[in-house]
Amino acid sequence: MSVGTLTGLCPECETDLTTPPLVQGETIACPECMLTLRVEDVAEGRLSLQMVEVQLRDWGQ
């Protein structure tokens, strides 16, 4: 792992993720399953990630 990167694991597809520095509350997309993930915690270079439920709008069509 190079300096300035963080690692984590997608909770859905278990893909290993490597990202630039992020802070708690930021969101990223898993490149494998395209799920939106929120950073819950950052500790010792490891990300704790949680799925974000996306609600689609009903445009009445």
N, C-alpha and C. Protein backbone atom coordinates (compact mmCIF):
# COMPACT_ATOMS: atom_id res chain seq x y z
N MET A 1 0.85 -1.19 0.00
CA MET A 1 0.00 0.00 0.00
C MET A 1 0.89 1.24 0.00
N SER A 2 0.64 2.15 -0.92
CA SER A 2 1.44 3.37 -0.96
C SER A 2 0.88 4.39 0.02
N VAL A 3 1.71 5.38 0.34
CA VAL A 3 1.31 6.42 1.29
C VAL A 3 0.18 7.23 0.68
N GLY A 4 -0.82 7.56 1.47
CA GLY A 4 -1.92 8.38 1.01
C GLY A 4 -3.08 7.61 0.42
N THR A 5 -3.09 6.29 0.55
CA THR A 5 -4.23 5.51 0.07
C THR A 5 -4.86 4.76 1.24
N LEU A 6 -6.13 4.44 1.06
CA LEU A 6 -6.87 3.67 2.06
C LEU A 6 -7.41 2.42 1.38
N THR A 7 -7.65 1.39 2.17
CA THR A 7 -8.21 0.16 1.62
C THR A 7 -9.49 -0.20 2.36
N GLY A 8 -10.35 -0.93 1.68
CA GLY A 8 -11.60 -1.38 2.28
C GLY A 8 -12.15 -2.54 1.47
N LEU A 9 -13.27 -3.04 1.92
CA LEU A 9 -13.90 -4.19 1.31
C LEU A 9 -15.37 -3.87 1.06
N CYS A 10 -15.83 -4.09 -0.17
CA CYS A 10 -17.23 -3.86 -0.48
C CYS A 10 -18.07 -4.88 0.29
N PRO A 11 -19.06 -4.42 1.06
CA PRO A 11 -19.87 -5.36 1.84
C PRO A 11 -20.79 -6.22 0.99
N GLU A 12 -21.01 -5.86 -0.27
CA GLU A 12 -21.90 -6.62 -1.14
C GLU A 12 -21.16 -7.70 -1.92
N CYS A 13 -20.10 -7.30 -2.65
CA CYS A 13 -19.42 -8.25 -3.53
C CYS A 13 -18.03 -8.64 -3.03
N GLU A 14 -17.61 -8.06 -1.91
CA GLU A 14 -16.34 -8.36 -1.25
C GLU A 14 -15.11 -8.03 -2.11
N THR A 15 -15.25 -7.05 -3.00
CA THR A 15 -14.13 -6.57 -3.80
C THR A 15 -13.22 -5.73 -2.92
N ASP A 16 -11.90 -5.93 -3.04
CA ASP A 16 -10.93 -5.10 -2.34
C ASP A 16 -10.89 -3.74 -3.03
N LEU A 17 -11.04 -2.67 -2.25
CA LEU A 17 -11.04 -1.32 -2.79
C LEU A 17 -9.83 -0.56 -2.28
N THR A 18 -9.19 0.21 -3.14
CA THR A 18 -8.11 1.10 -2.76
C THR A 18 -8.51 2.49 -3.22
N THR A 19 -8.48 3.45 -2.30
CA THR A 19 -8.96 4.79 -2.60
C THR A 19 -7.96 5.84 -2.14
N PRO A 20 -8.06 7.05 -2.69
CA PRO A 20 -7.31 8.16 -2.12
C PRO A 20 -7.90 8.47 -0.74
N PRO A 21 -7.27 9.33 0.03
CA PRO A 21 -7.80 9.63 1.36
C PRO A 21 -9.26 10.10 1.33
N LEU A 22 -10.07 9.51 2.21
CA LEU A 22 -11.48 9.86 2.36
C LEU A 22 -11.75 10.14 3.83
N VAL A 23 -12.85 10.83 4.10
CA VAL A 23 -13.25 11.09 5.48
C VAL A 23 -14.61 10.48 5.72
N GLN A 24 -14.96 10.33 6.98
CA GLN A 24 -16.24 9.75 7.37
C GLN A 24 -17.38 10.53 6.73
N GLY A 25 -18.33 9.80 6.15
CA GLY A 25 -19.50 10.42 5.53
C GLY A 25 -19.41 10.53 4.02
N GLU A 26 -18.21 10.43 3.45
CA GLU A 26 -18.06 10.51 2.00
C GLU A 26 -18.62 9.24 1.36
N THR A 27 -19.00 9.33 0.10
CA THR A 27 -19.52 8.17 -0.61
C THR A 27 -18.62 7.85 -1.81
N ILE A 28 -18.57 6.56 -2.12
CA ILE A 28 -17.84 6.07 -3.29
C ILE A 28 -18.70 5.00 -3.95
N ALA A 29 -18.37 4.65 -5.18
CA ALA A 29 -19.06 3.57 -5.88
C ALA A 29 -18.09 2.41 -6.04
N CYS A 30 -18.57 1.21 -5.76
CA CYS A 30 -17.77 0.01 -5.97
C CYS A 30 -17.61 -0.17 -7.49
N PRO A 31 -16.39 -0.30 -7.98
CA PRO A 31 -16.20 -0.47 -9.43
C PRO A 31 -16.69 -1.82 -9.95
N GLU A 32 -16.87 -2.78 -9.08
CA GLU A 32 -17.29 -4.12 -9.51
C GLU A 32 -18.82 -4.23 -9.59
N CYS A 33 -19.52 -3.90 -8.49
CA CYS A 33 -20.98 -4.07 -8.46
C CYS A 33 -21.75 -2.75 -8.58
N MET A 34 -21.02 -1.63 -8.62
CA MET A 34 -21.59 -0.28 -8.79
C MET A 34 -22.47 0.17 -7.63
N LEU A 35 -22.38 -0.49 -6.49
CA LEU A 35 -23.13 -0.12 -5.31
C LEU A 35 -22.55 1.15 -4.71
N THR A 36 -23.40 2.06 -4.24
CA THR A 36 -22.94 3.27 -3.57
C THR A 36 -22.63 2.93 -2.12
N LEU A 37 -21.44 3.29 -1.67
CA LEU A 37 -20.98 2.97 -0.32
C LEU A 37 -20.63 4.25 0.43
N ARG A 38 -20.96 4.29 1.72
CA ARG A 38 -20.63 5.43 2.58
C ARG A 38 -19.52 5.02 3.53
N VAL A 39 -18.55 5.92 3.72
CA VAL A 39 -17.47 5.66 4.67
C VAL A 39 -18.01 5.88 6.08
N GLU A 40 -18.06 4.81 6.86
CA GLU A 40 -18.54 4.88 8.24
C GLU A 40 -17.42 5.21 9.21
N ASP A 41 -16.20 4.73 8.91
CA ASP A 41 -15.07 4.96 9.81
C ASP A 41 -13.77 4.76 9.02
N VAL A 42 -12.73 5.46 9.45
CA VAL A 42 -11.39 5.27 8.89
C VAL A 42 -10.45 5.03 10.06
N ALA A 43 -9.79 3.87 10.09
CA ALA A 43 -8.88 3.54 11.18
C ALA A 43 -7.69 2.78 10.63
N GLU A 44 -6.51 3.29 10.91
CA GLU A 44 -5.25 2.63 10.53
C GLU A 44 -5.20 2.27 9.05
N GLY A 45 -5.66 3.19 8.20
CA GLY A 45 -5.61 2.97 6.76
C GLY A 45 -6.68 2.07 6.20
N ARG A 46 -7.63 1.64 7.05
CA ARG A 46 -8.72 0.76 6.61
C ARG A 46 -10.05 1.53 6.65
N LEU A 47 -10.85 1.32 5.62
CA LEU A 47 -12.17 1.92 5.54
C LEU A 47 -13.22 0.96 6.04
N SER A 48 -14.16 1.46 6.82
CA SER A 48 -15.36 0.70 7.18
C SER A 48 -16.47 1.26 6.30
N LEU A 49 -17.02 0.42 5.42
CA LEU A 49 -17.99 0.87 4.43
C LEU A 49 -19.37 0.28 4.69
N GLN A 50 -20.40 1.08 4.37
CA GLN A 50 -21.79 0.68 4.54
C GLN A 50 -22.55 0.97 3.25
N MET A 51 -23.45 0.08 2.87
CA MET A 51 -24.27 0.31 1.68
C MET A 51 -25.19 1.52 1.89
N VAL A 52 -25.40 2.28 0.81
CA VAL A 52 -26.33 3.40 0.83
C VAL A 52 -27.53 3.01 -0.01
N GLU A 53 -28.71 3.07 0.59
CA GLU A 53 -29.92 2.77 -0.16
C GLU A 53 -30.31 3.99 -0.98
N VAL A 54 -30.43 3.80 -2.27
CA VAL A 54 -30.79 4.88 -3.18
C VAL A 54 -32.28 4.77 -3.47
N GLN A 55 -32.99 5.87 -3.22
CA GLN A 55 -34.42 5.88 -3.51
C GLN A 55 -34.64 6.61 -4.82
N LEU A 56 -35.29 5.92 -5.75
CA LEU A 56 -35.58 6.51 -7.05
C LEU A 56 -36.85 7.33 -6.97
N ARG A 57 -36.86 8.43 -7.71
CA ARG A 57 -38.04 9.28 -7.73
C ARG A 57 -39.08 8.74 -8.69
N ASP A 58 -40.33 8.89 -8.30
CA ASP A 58 -41.44 8.53 -9.18
C ASP A 58 -41.89 9.81 -9.86
N TRP A 59 -41.61 9.91 -11.14
CA TRP A 59 -41.94 11.13 -11.88
C TRP A 59 -43.37 11.08 -12.43
N GLY A 60 -44.14 10.07 -12.05
CA GLY A 60 -45.54 10.00 -12.45
C GLY A 60 -45.74 9.67 -13.92
N GLN A 61 -44.82 8.98 -14.50
CA GLN A 61 -44.95 8.66 -15.93
C GLN A 61 -45.53 7.29 -16.13
